[in-house]
Amino acid sequence: MDHILKLQHSLDALFGNGTSKLLPKDIEMTFSRKTGRIRTVSHKGKLLCTLRIDGSLAISTHFAQILLKNKKFKENCIEVNSDAAPFVEQGRSVFCKHVVSCGKNIRISADTPILFKNQVIAVGRAILSSEMISDFNRGVAIKVRDSLKSRNEEITS
């Protein structure tokens, strides 16, 4: 199977049909020397995503902002209030009481982009599902993995 086609199918399966159409045309992929699998995907020196062993994608904040143009992708996102936004940008976790809106496709341990004023400020792993996040008023909802101020996304090779 073609590697770009595999990436497109993964994007559609994880984030909804049509999200793969927003994948840039001139992407660079790095492969594992031992297994030959896709390791990272980048575009013009910026990291877009890495493929995990379990088949899921670890997307970057830059790639999440690109995918945000698709309406179905917003169902995988969570929006925080103005109190939590500066802390989430620095890489802190999102708590349930700071969630303003929650997409219905958020599942436990799924990659979840975190929005503030329709801008992606971080990406993390969901600790709770969308129903639990909207029901609960305390506890961690998302553990942030990658945020705007946490690291530089340039690839140096």
N, C-alpha and C. Protein backbone atom coordinates (compact mmCIF):
# COMPACT_ATOMS: atom_id res chain seq x y z
N MET A 1 0.85 -1.19 0.00
CA MET A 1 0.00 0.00 0.00
C MET A 1 0.89 1.25 0.00
N ASP A 2 0.50 2.22 -0.78
CA ASP A 2 1.23 3.48 -0.86
C ASP A 2 1.24 4.17 0.50
N HIS A 3 2.38 4.75 0.87
CA HIS A 3 2.52 5.35 2.19
C HIS A 3 1.62 6.58 2.37
N ILE A 4 1.48 7.39 1.32
CA ILE A 4 0.62 8.57 1.40
C ILE A 4 -0.83 8.13 1.52
N LEU A 5 -1.21 7.10 0.80
CA LEU A 5 -2.57 6.57 0.88
C LEU A 5 -2.87 6.03 2.28
N LYS A 6 -1.88 5.36 2.88
CA LYS A 6 -2.04 4.85 4.24
C LYS A 6 -2.26 5.99 5.23
N LEU A 7 -1.50 7.06 5.07
CA LEU A 7 -1.64 8.23 5.93
C LEU A 7 -3.01 8.88 5.75
N GLN A 8 -3.49 8.95 4.51
CA GLN A 8 -4.81 9.53 4.24
C GLN A 8 -5.92 8.70 4.87
N HIS A 9 -5.81 7.37 4.78
CA HIS A 9 -6.81 6.50 5.40
C HIS A 9 -6.80 6.63 6.91
N SER A 10 -5.62 6.76 7.50
CA SER A 10 -5.52 6.93 8.95
C SER A 10 -6.16 8.24 9.39
N LEU A 11 -5.90 9.32 8.64
CA LEU A 11 -6.50 10.62 8.96
C LEU A 11 -8.02 10.56 8.90
N ASP A 12 -8.54 9.94 7.84
CA ASP A 12 -10.00 9.84 7.68
C ASP A 12 -10.62 8.98 8.78
N ALA A 13 -9.95 7.91 9.15
CA ALA A 13 -10.50 7.02 10.18
C ALA A 13 -10.48 7.67 11.56
N LEU A 14 -9.44 8.41 11.87
CA LEU A 14 -9.30 9.00 13.20
C LEU A 14 -10.08 10.30 13.37
N PHE A 15 -10.12 11.14 12.34
CA PHE A 15 -10.68 12.48 12.50
C PHE A 15 -11.89 12.77 11.63
N GLY A 16 -12.41 11.79 10.90
CA GLY A 16 -13.61 12.00 10.09
C GLY A 16 -13.29 12.07 8.61
N ASN A 17 -14.23 11.63 7.80
CA ASN A 17 -14.05 11.62 6.34
C ASN A 17 -13.80 13.02 5.80
N GLY A 18 -12.86 13.13 4.88
CA GLY A 18 -12.58 14.41 4.24
C GLY A 18 -11.42 15.16 4.85
N THR A 19 -10.94 14.75 6.02
CA THR A 19 -9.82 15.47 6.63
C THR A 19 -8.52 15.24 5.85
N SER A 20 -8.40 14.12 5.16
CA SER A 20 -7.18 13.84 4.41
C SER A 20 -7.03 14.75 3.20
N LYS A 21 -8.10 15.39 2.77
CA LYS A 21 -8.01 16.31 1.62
C LYS A 21 -7.18 17.54 1.96
N LEU A 22 -7.06 17.84 3.25
CA LEU A 22 -6.28 19.01 3.68
C LEU A 22 -4.80 18.70 3.88
N LEU A 23 -4.40 17.46 3.64
CA LEU A 23 -2.99 17.08 3.74
C LEU A 23 -2.21 17.76 2.63
N PRO A 24 -1.12 18.49 2.96
CA PRO A 24 -0.35 19.17 1.91
C PRO A 24 0.21 18.18 0.89
N LYS A 25 0.41 18.65 -0.33
CA LYS A 25 0.86 17.77 -1.42
C LYS A 25 2.33 17.39 -1.29
N ASP A 26 3.18 18.34 -0.95
CA ASP A 26 4.62 18.08 -0.91
C ASP A 26 5.08 17.79 0.53
N ILE A 27 4.80 16.59 0.98
CA ILE A 27 5.19 16.20 2.34
C ILE A 27 6.42 15.30 2.27
N GLU A 28 7.22 15.37 3.33
CA GLU A 28 8.39 14.50 3.45
C GLU A 28 8.11 13.49 4.55
N MET A 29 8.50 12.26 4.31
CA MET A 29 8.30 11.20 5.30
C MET A 29 9.65 10.59 5.66
N THR A 30 9.81 10.26 6.94
CA THR A 30 10.98 9.50 7.36
C THR A 30 10.49 8.12 7.77
N PHE A 31 11.29 7.12 7.46
CA PHE A 31 10.90 5.74 7.69
C PHE A 31 11.83 5.08 8.69
N SER A 32 11.31 4.09 9.38
CA SER A 32 12.11 3.29 10.30
C SER A 32 13.05 2.40 9.50
N ARG A 33 14.31 2.31 9.93
CA ARG A 33 15.27 1.48 9.21
C ARG A 33 15.00 0.00 9.42
N LYS A 34 14.52 -0.36 10.60
CA LYS A 34 14.28 -1.78 10.89
C LYS A 34 12.99 -2.31 10.27
N THR A 35 11.89 -1.58 10.44
CA THR A 35 10.59 -2.10 9.99
C THR A 35 10.13 -1.52 8.66
N GLY A 36 10.65 -0.36 8.27
CA GLY A 36 10.23 0.26 7.03
C GLY A 36 8.93 1.04 7.15
N ARG A 37 8.41 1.17 8.36
CA ARG A 37 7.17 1.92 8.57
C ARG A 37 7.43 3.42 8.59
N ILE A 38 6.35 4.18 8.39
CA ILE A 38 6.44 5.64 8.45
C ILE A 38 6.72 6.03 9.90
N ARG A 39 7.70 6.89 10.09
CA ARG A 39 8.01 7.36 11.44
C ARG A 39 7.47 8.77 11.65
N THR A 40 7.86 9.72 10.80
CA THR A 40 7.38 11.09 10.91
C THR A 40 6.95 11.62 9.55
N VAL A 41 6.07 12.59 9.58
CA VAL A 41 5.61 13.27 8.37
C VAL A 41 5.82 14.76 8.61
N SER A 42 6.49 15.43 7.65
CA SER A 42 6.75 16.86 7.79
C SER A 42 6.46 17.58 6.48
N HIS A 43 6.31 18.89 6.58
CA HIS A 43 6.01 19.74 5.42
C HIS A 43 6.81 21.02 5.57
N LYS A 44 7.70 21.28 4.64
CA LYS A 44 8.56 22.48 4.64
C LYS A 44 9.31 22.63 5.96
N GLY A 45 9.82 21.53 6.50
CA GLY A 45 10.61 21.58 7.71
C GLY A 45 9.83 21.58 9.01
N LYS A 46 8.50 21.67 8.92
CA LYS A 46 7.66 21.64 10.13
C LYS A 46 7.05 20.26 10.30
N LEU A 47 7.13 19.74 11.51
CA LEU A 47 6.58 18.42 11.82
C LEU A 47 5.06 18.47 11.76
N LEU A 48 4.45 17.55 10.99
CA LEU A 48 2.99 17.45 10.93
C LEU A 48 2.49 16.40 11.92
N CYS A 49 3.06 15.20 11.85
CA CYS A 49 2.60 14.13 12.74
C CYS A 49 3.62 13.01 12.79
N THR A 50 3.47 12.18 13.80
CA THR A 50 4.25 10.94 13.89
C THR A 50 3.25 9.80 14.02
N LEU A 51 3.59 8.66 13.44
CA LEU A 51 2.71 7.50 13.54
C LEU A 51 3.10 6.68 14.76
N ARG A 52 2.10 6.30 15.54
CA ARG A 52 2.35 5.49 16.72
C ARG A 52 2.28 4.01 16.33
N ILE A 53 2.77 3.17 17.23
CA ILE A 53 2.79 1.73 16.98
C ILE A 53 1.36 1.18 16.89
N ASP A 54 0.44 1.74 17.69
CA ASP A 54 -0.94 1.23 17.70
C ASP A 54 -1.77 1.70 16.50
N GLY A 55 -1.16 2.46 15.58
CA GLY A 55 -1.87 2.89 14.38
C GLY A 55 -2.43 4.30 14.46
N SER A 56 -2.41 4.91 15.63
CA SER A 56 -2.93 6.26 15.75
C SER A 56 -1.86 7.27 15.36
N LEU A 57 -2.27 8.52 15.24
CA LEU A 57 -1.36 9.58 14.85
C LEU A 57 -1.17 10.54 16.01
N ALA A 58 0.05 10.98 16.22
CA ALA A 58 0.34 12.04 17.18
C ALA A 58 0.54 13.30 16.34
N ILE A 59 -0.49 14.15 16.28
CA ILE A 59 -0.43 15.33 15.42
C ILE A 59 0.19 16.51 16.17
N SER A 60 0.77 17.42 15.43
CA SER A 60 1.36 18.62 16.02
C SER A 60 0.31 19.74 16.02
N THR A 61 0.61 20.82 16.74
CA THR A 61 -0.31 21.95 16.79
C THR A 61 -0.43 22.60 15.41
N HIS A 62 0.66 22.61 14.67
CA HIS A 62 0.66 23.19 13.31
C HIS A 62 -0.28 22.41 12.39
N PHE A 63 -0.21 21.09 12.44
CA PHE A 63 -1.05 20.24 11.60
C PHE A 63 -2.52 20.32 12.05
N ALA A 64 -2.74 20.41 13.35
CA ALA A 64 -4.12 20.53 13.86
C ALA A 64 -4.76 21.82 13.36
N GLN A 65 -3.97 22.90 13.26
CA GLN A 65 -4.49 24.17 12.75
C GLN A 65 -4.87 24.04 11.27
N ILE A 66 -4.09 23.27 10.51
CA ILE A 66 -4.41 23.03 9.10
C ILE A 66 -5.70 22.22 8.98
N LEU A 67 -5.82 21.17 9.80
CA LEU A 67 -7.01 20.30 9.74
C LEU A 67 -8.26 20.98 10.27
N LEU A 68 -8.11 22.07 11.01
CA LEU A 68 -9.25 22.77 11.59
C LEU A 68 -10.16 23.38 10.53
N LYS A 69 -9.67 23.49 9.29
CA LYS A 69 -10.49 24.02 8.20
C LYS A 69 -11.64 23.07 7.85
N ASN A 70 -11.51 21.81 8.24
CA ASN A 70 -12.58 20.83 8.00
C ASN A 70 -13.58 20.88 9.15
N LYS A 71 -14.86 20.91 8.81
CA LYS A 71 -15.91 21.01 9.84
C LYS A 71 -15.98 19.76 10.72
N LYS A 72 -15.73 18.58 10.13
CA LYS A 72 -15.80 17.33 10.89
C LYS A 72 -14.67 17.22 11.91
N PHE A 73 -13.55 17.90 11.65
CA PHE A 73 -12.41 17.84 12.56
C PHE A 73 -12.73 18.52 13.89
N LYS A 74 -13.61 19.51 13.87
CA LYS A 74 -13.97 20.22 15.11
C LYS A 74 -14.66 19.31 16.12
N GLU A 75 -15.22 18.19 15.66
CA GLU A 75 -15.86 17.24 16.57
C GLU A 75 -14.83 16.49 17.41
N ASN A 76 -13.54 16.60 17.06
CA ASN A 76 -12.46 15.97 17.81
C ASN A 76 -11.74 16.96 18.71
N CYS A 77 -12.23 18.21 18.76
CA CYS A 77 -11.54 19.28 19.50
C CYS A 77 -12.28 19.64 20.78
N ILE A 78 -11.56 20.35 21.63
CA ILE A 78 -12.11 20.82 22.89
C ILE A 78 -11.75 22.30 23.00
N GLU A 79 -12.65 23.11 23.52
CA GLU A 79 -12.39 24.54 23.65
C GLU A 79 -12.33 24.91 25.13
N VAL A 80 -11.31 25.69 25.50
CA VAL A 80 -11.13 26.08 26.90
C VAL A 80 -11.47 27.55 27.08
N ASN A 81 -11.71 27.94 28.35
CA ASN A 81 -12.03 29.33 28.64
C ASN A 81 -10.78 30.18 28.77
N SER A 82 -10.95 31.48 28.95
CA SER A 82 -9.81 32.41 28.98
C SER A 82 -8.95 32.25 30.22
N ASP A 83 -9.51 31.68 31.29
CA ASP A 83 -8.73 31.47 32.51
C ASP A 83 -7.65 30.41 32.30
N ALA A 84 -7.97 29.35 31.57
CA ALA A 84 -7.05 28.22 31.40
C ALA A 84 -6.12 28.37 30.21
N ALA A 85 -6.47 29.19 29.24
CA ALA A 85 -5.71 29.29 27.99
C ALA A 85 -4.22 29.58 28.18
N PRO A 86 -3.82 30.56 29.02
CA PRO A 86 -2.37 30.80 29.16
C PRO A 86 -1.61 29.62 29.75
N PHE A 87 -2.25 28.87 30.64
CA PHE A 87 -1.60 27.73 31.26
C PHE A 87 -1.49 26.55 30.28
N VAL A 88 -2.53 26.36 29.49
CA VAL A 88 -2.53 25.28 28.50
C VAL A 88 -1.48 25.56 27.43
N GLU A 89 -1.31 26.83 27.05
CA GLU A 89 -0.28 27.21 26.07
C GLU A 89 1.11 26.85 26.56
N GLN A 90 1.31 26.86 27.87
CA GLN A 90 2.62 26.53 28.45
C GLN A 90 2.81 25.03 28.63
N GLY A 91 1.77 24.23 28.36
CA GLY A 91 1.91 22.79 28.43
C GLY A 91 1.25 22.15 29.64
N ARG A 92 0.41 22.89 30.36
CA ARG A 92 -0.28 22.35 31.52
C ARG A 92 -1.53 21.58 31.08
N SER A 93 -2.02 20.70 31.94
CA SER A 93 -3.19 19.89 31.63
C SER A 93 -4.48 20.71 31.65
N VAL A 94 -5.50 20.22 30.94
CA VAL A 94 -6.81 20.87 30.90
C VAL A 94 -7.72 20.17 31.89
N PHE A 95 -8.37 20.95 32.75
CA PHE A 95 -9.31 20.39 33.72
C PHE A 95 -10.73 20.56 33.21
N CYS A 96 -11.62 19.68 33.67
CA CYS A 96 -13.00 19.64 33.19
C CYS A 96 -13.73 20.97 33.38
N LYS A 97 -13.47 21.66 34.49
CA LYS A 97 -14.21 22.89 34.77
C LYS A 97 -13.84 24.04 33.84
N HIS A 98 -12.71 23.92 33.12
CA HIS A 98 -12.29 24.98 32.21
C HIS A 98 -12.74 24.74 30.77
N VAL A 99 -13.46 23.65 30.51
CA VAL A 99 -13.91 23.31 29.16
C VAL A 99 -15.19 24.07 28.83
N VAL A 100 -15.16 24.82 27.74
CA VAL A 100 -16.32 25.59 27.29
C VAL A 100 -17.19 24.72 26.38
N SER A 101 -16.56 24.11 25.37
CA SER A 101 -17.29 23.20 24.48
C SER A 101 -16.43 21.99 24.18
N CYS A 102 -17.11 20.89 23.90
CA CYS A 102 -16.44 19.61 23.74
C CYS A 102 -17.03 18.88 22.54
N GLY A 103 -16.18 18.46 21.60
CA GLY A 103 -16.64 17.71 20.44
C GLY A 103 -17.12 16.32 20.83
N LYS A 104 -18.06 15.78 20.08
CA LYS A 104 -18.66 14.50 20.46
C LYS A 104 -17.81 13.28 20.06
N ASN A 105 -16.74 13.47 19.27
CA ASN A 105 -15.90 12.34 18.86
C ASN A 105 -14.69 12.12 19.75
N ILE A 106 -14.61 12.80 20.88
CA ILE A 106 -13.47 12.64 21.77
C ILE A 106 -13.63 11.34 22.54
N ARG A 107 -12.62 10.47 22.41
CA ARG A 107 -12.61 9.19 23.11
C ARG A 107 -11.42 9.14 24.05
N ILE A 108 -11.47 8.24 24.99
CA ILE A 108 -10.38 8.10 25.94
C ILE A 108 -9.10 7.71 25.19
N SER A 109 -8.01 8.36 25.52
CA SER A 109 -6.66 8.20 24.97
C SER A 109 -6.56 8.57 23.48
N ALA A 110 -7.50 9.38 22.98
CA ALA A 110 -7.42 9.87 21.61
C ALA A 110 -6.68 11.20 21.59
N ASP A 111 -6.00 11.50 20.49
CA ASP A 111 -5.34 12.78 20.34
C ASP A 111 -6.40 13.86 20.20
N THR A 112 -6.32 14.90 21.04
CA THR A 112 -7.35 15.93 21.08
C THR A 112 -6.73 17.31 20.97
N PRO A 113 -7.04 18.06 19.91
CA PRO A 113 -6.58 19.45 19.82
C PRO A 113 -7.37 20.33 20.80
N ILE A 114 -6.68 21.29 21.40
CA ILE A 114 -7.31 22.20 22.36
C ILE A 114 -7.36 23.58 21.73
N LEU A 115 -8.55 24.15 21.67
CA LEU A 115 -8.77 25.42 21.00
C LEU A 115 -9.03 26.54 22.00
N PHE A 116 -8.67 27.76 21.59
CA PHE A 116 -9.05 28.98 22.29
C PHE A 116 -9.28 30.02 21.22
N LYS A 117 -10.51 30.52 21.10
CA LYS A 117 -10.91 31.49 20.06
C LYS A 117 -10.60 30.96 18.66
N ASN A 118 -10.96 29.71 18.41
CA ASN A 118 -10.76 29.03 17.12
C ASN A 118 -9.30 28.96 16.66
N GLN A 119 -8.37 28.98 17.59
CA GLN A 119 -6.96 28.77 17.31
C GLN A 119 -6.48 27.58 18.14
N VAL A 120 -5.70 26.70 17.54
CA VAL A 120 -5.16 25.55 18.26
C VAL A 120 -4.02 26.05 19.15
N ILE A 121 -4.15 25.85 20.46
CA ILE A 121 -3.09 26.27 21.38
C ILE A 121 -2.30 25.09 21.91
N ALA A 122 -2.87 23.88 21.80
CA ALA A 122 -2.16 22.69 22.28
C ALA A 122 -2.83 21.43 21.73
N VAL A 123 -2.10 20.31 21.84
CA VAL A 123 -2.64 19.00 21.48
C VAL A 123 -2.29 18.06 22.63
N GLY A 124 -3.25 17.21 23.01
CA GLY A 124 -2.98 16.30 24.11
C GLY A 124 -3.76 15.01 24.00
N ARG A 125 -3.58 14.15 25.00
CA ARG A 125 -4.28 12.87 25.08
C ARG A 125 -5.48 13.02 26.00
N ALA A 126 -6.64 12.58 25.53
CA ALA A 126 -7.87 12.66 26.33
C ALA A 126 -7.81 11.63 27.45
N ILE A 127 -8.07 12.07 28.66
CA ILE A 127 -8.14 11.18 29.80
C ILE A 127 -9.58 10.68 29.97
N LEU A 128 -10.54 11.54 29.61
CA LEU A 128 -11.96 11.20 29.71
C LEU A 128 -12.62 11.32 28.33
N SER A 129 -13.78 10.69 28.18
CA SER A 129 -14.53 10.80 26.92
C SER A 129 -15.32 12.11 26.91
N SER A 130 -15.91 12.45 25.78
CA SER A 130 -16.62 13.72 25.65
C SER A 130 -17.81 13.80 26.62
N GLU A 131 -18.52 12.68 26.82
CA GLU A 131 -19.66 12.70 27.74
C GLU A 131 -19.20 12.95 29.18
N MET A 132 -18.10 12.32 29.56
CA MET A 132 -17.58 12.49 30.91
C MET A 132 -17.08 13.91 31.14
N ILE A 133 -16.41 14.47 30.14
CA ILE A 133 -15.88 15.84 30.27
C ILE A 133 -17.01 16.82 30.49
N SER A 134 -18.12 16.67 29.72
CA SER A 134 -19.24 17.61 29.89
C SER A 134 -19.99 17.38 31.20
N ASP A 135 -20.00 16.14 31.71
CA ASP A 135 -20.71 15.85 32.96
C ASP A 135 -19.92 16.27 34.20
N PHE A 136 -18.61 16.02 34.19
CA PHE A 136 -17.80 16.27 35.37
C PHE A 136 -17.45 17.75 35.50
N ASN A 137 -17.14 18.16 36.73
CA ASN A 137 -16.75 19.53 36.99
C ASN A 137 -15.38 19.60 37.65
N ARG A 138 -14.75 18.47 37.85
CA ARG A 138 -13.42 18.43 38.44
C ARG A 138 -12.63 17.28 37.83
N GLY A 139 -11.31 17.39 37.95
CA GLY A 139 -10.44 16.35 37.41
C GLY A 139 -9.85 16.73 36.07
N VAL A 140 -8.80 16.01 35.67
CA VAL A 140 -8.10 16.27 34.42
C VAL A 140 -8.90 15.70 33.25
N ALA A 141 -9.10 16.52 32.22
CA ALA A 141 -9.79 16.08 31.02
C ALA A 141 -8.80 15.68 29.93
N ILE A 142 -7.77 16.53 29.73
CA ILE A 142 -6.77 16.31 28.67
C ILE A 142 -5.38 16.53 29.26
N LYS A 143 -4.48 15.58 29.02
CA LYS A 143 -3.07 15.78 29.37
C LYS A 143 -2.37 16.32 28.13
N VAL A 144 -1.84 17.51 28.23
CA VAL A 144 -1.23 18.18 27.08
C VAL A 144 0.11 17.53 26.76
N ARG A 145 0.28 17.22 25.47
CA ARG A 145 1.51 16.61 24.98
C ARG A 145 2.36 17.63 24.23
N ASP A 146 1.73 18.51 23.48
CA ASP A 146 2.44 19.48 22.65
C ASP A 146 1.67 20.79 22.68
N SER A 147 2.33 21.88 23.04
CA SER A 147 1.66 23.18 23.07
C SER A 147 2.48 24.21 22.32
N LEU A 148 1.92 25.41 22.16
CA LEU A 148 2.58 26.44 21.36
C LEU A 148 3.91 26.88 21.96
N LYS A 149 3.96 27.04 23.27
CA LYS A 149 5.18 27.57 23.89
C LYS A 149 6.08 26.50 24.48
N SER A 150 5.71 25.22 24.35
CA SER A 150 6.48 24.16 25.00
C SER A 150 7.77 23.83 24.27
N ARG A 151 7.74 23.86 22.93
CA ARG A 151 8.95 23.51 22.20
C ARG A 151 8.90 24.09 20.80
N ASN A 152 10.05 24.08 20.15
CA ASN A 152 10.16 24.54 18.77
C ASN A 152 9.88 23.36 17.86
N GLU A 153 9.01 23.53 16.86
CA GLU A 153 8.59 22.41 16.02
C GLU A 153 9.47 22.20 14.80
N GLU A 154 10.56 22.95 14.67
CA GLU A 154 11.43 22.78 13.51
C GLU A 154 12.16 21.44 13.59
N ILE A 155 12.31 20.79 12.46
CA ILE A 155 13.04 19.52 12.39
C ILE A 155 14.47 19.83 12.00
N THR A 156 15.39 19.31 12.76
CA THR A 156 16.82 19.49 12.44
C THR A 156 17.39 18.14 12.08
N SER A 157 17.68 17.96 10.80
CA SER A 157 18.27 16.67 10.39
C SER A 157 19.47 16.87 9.53
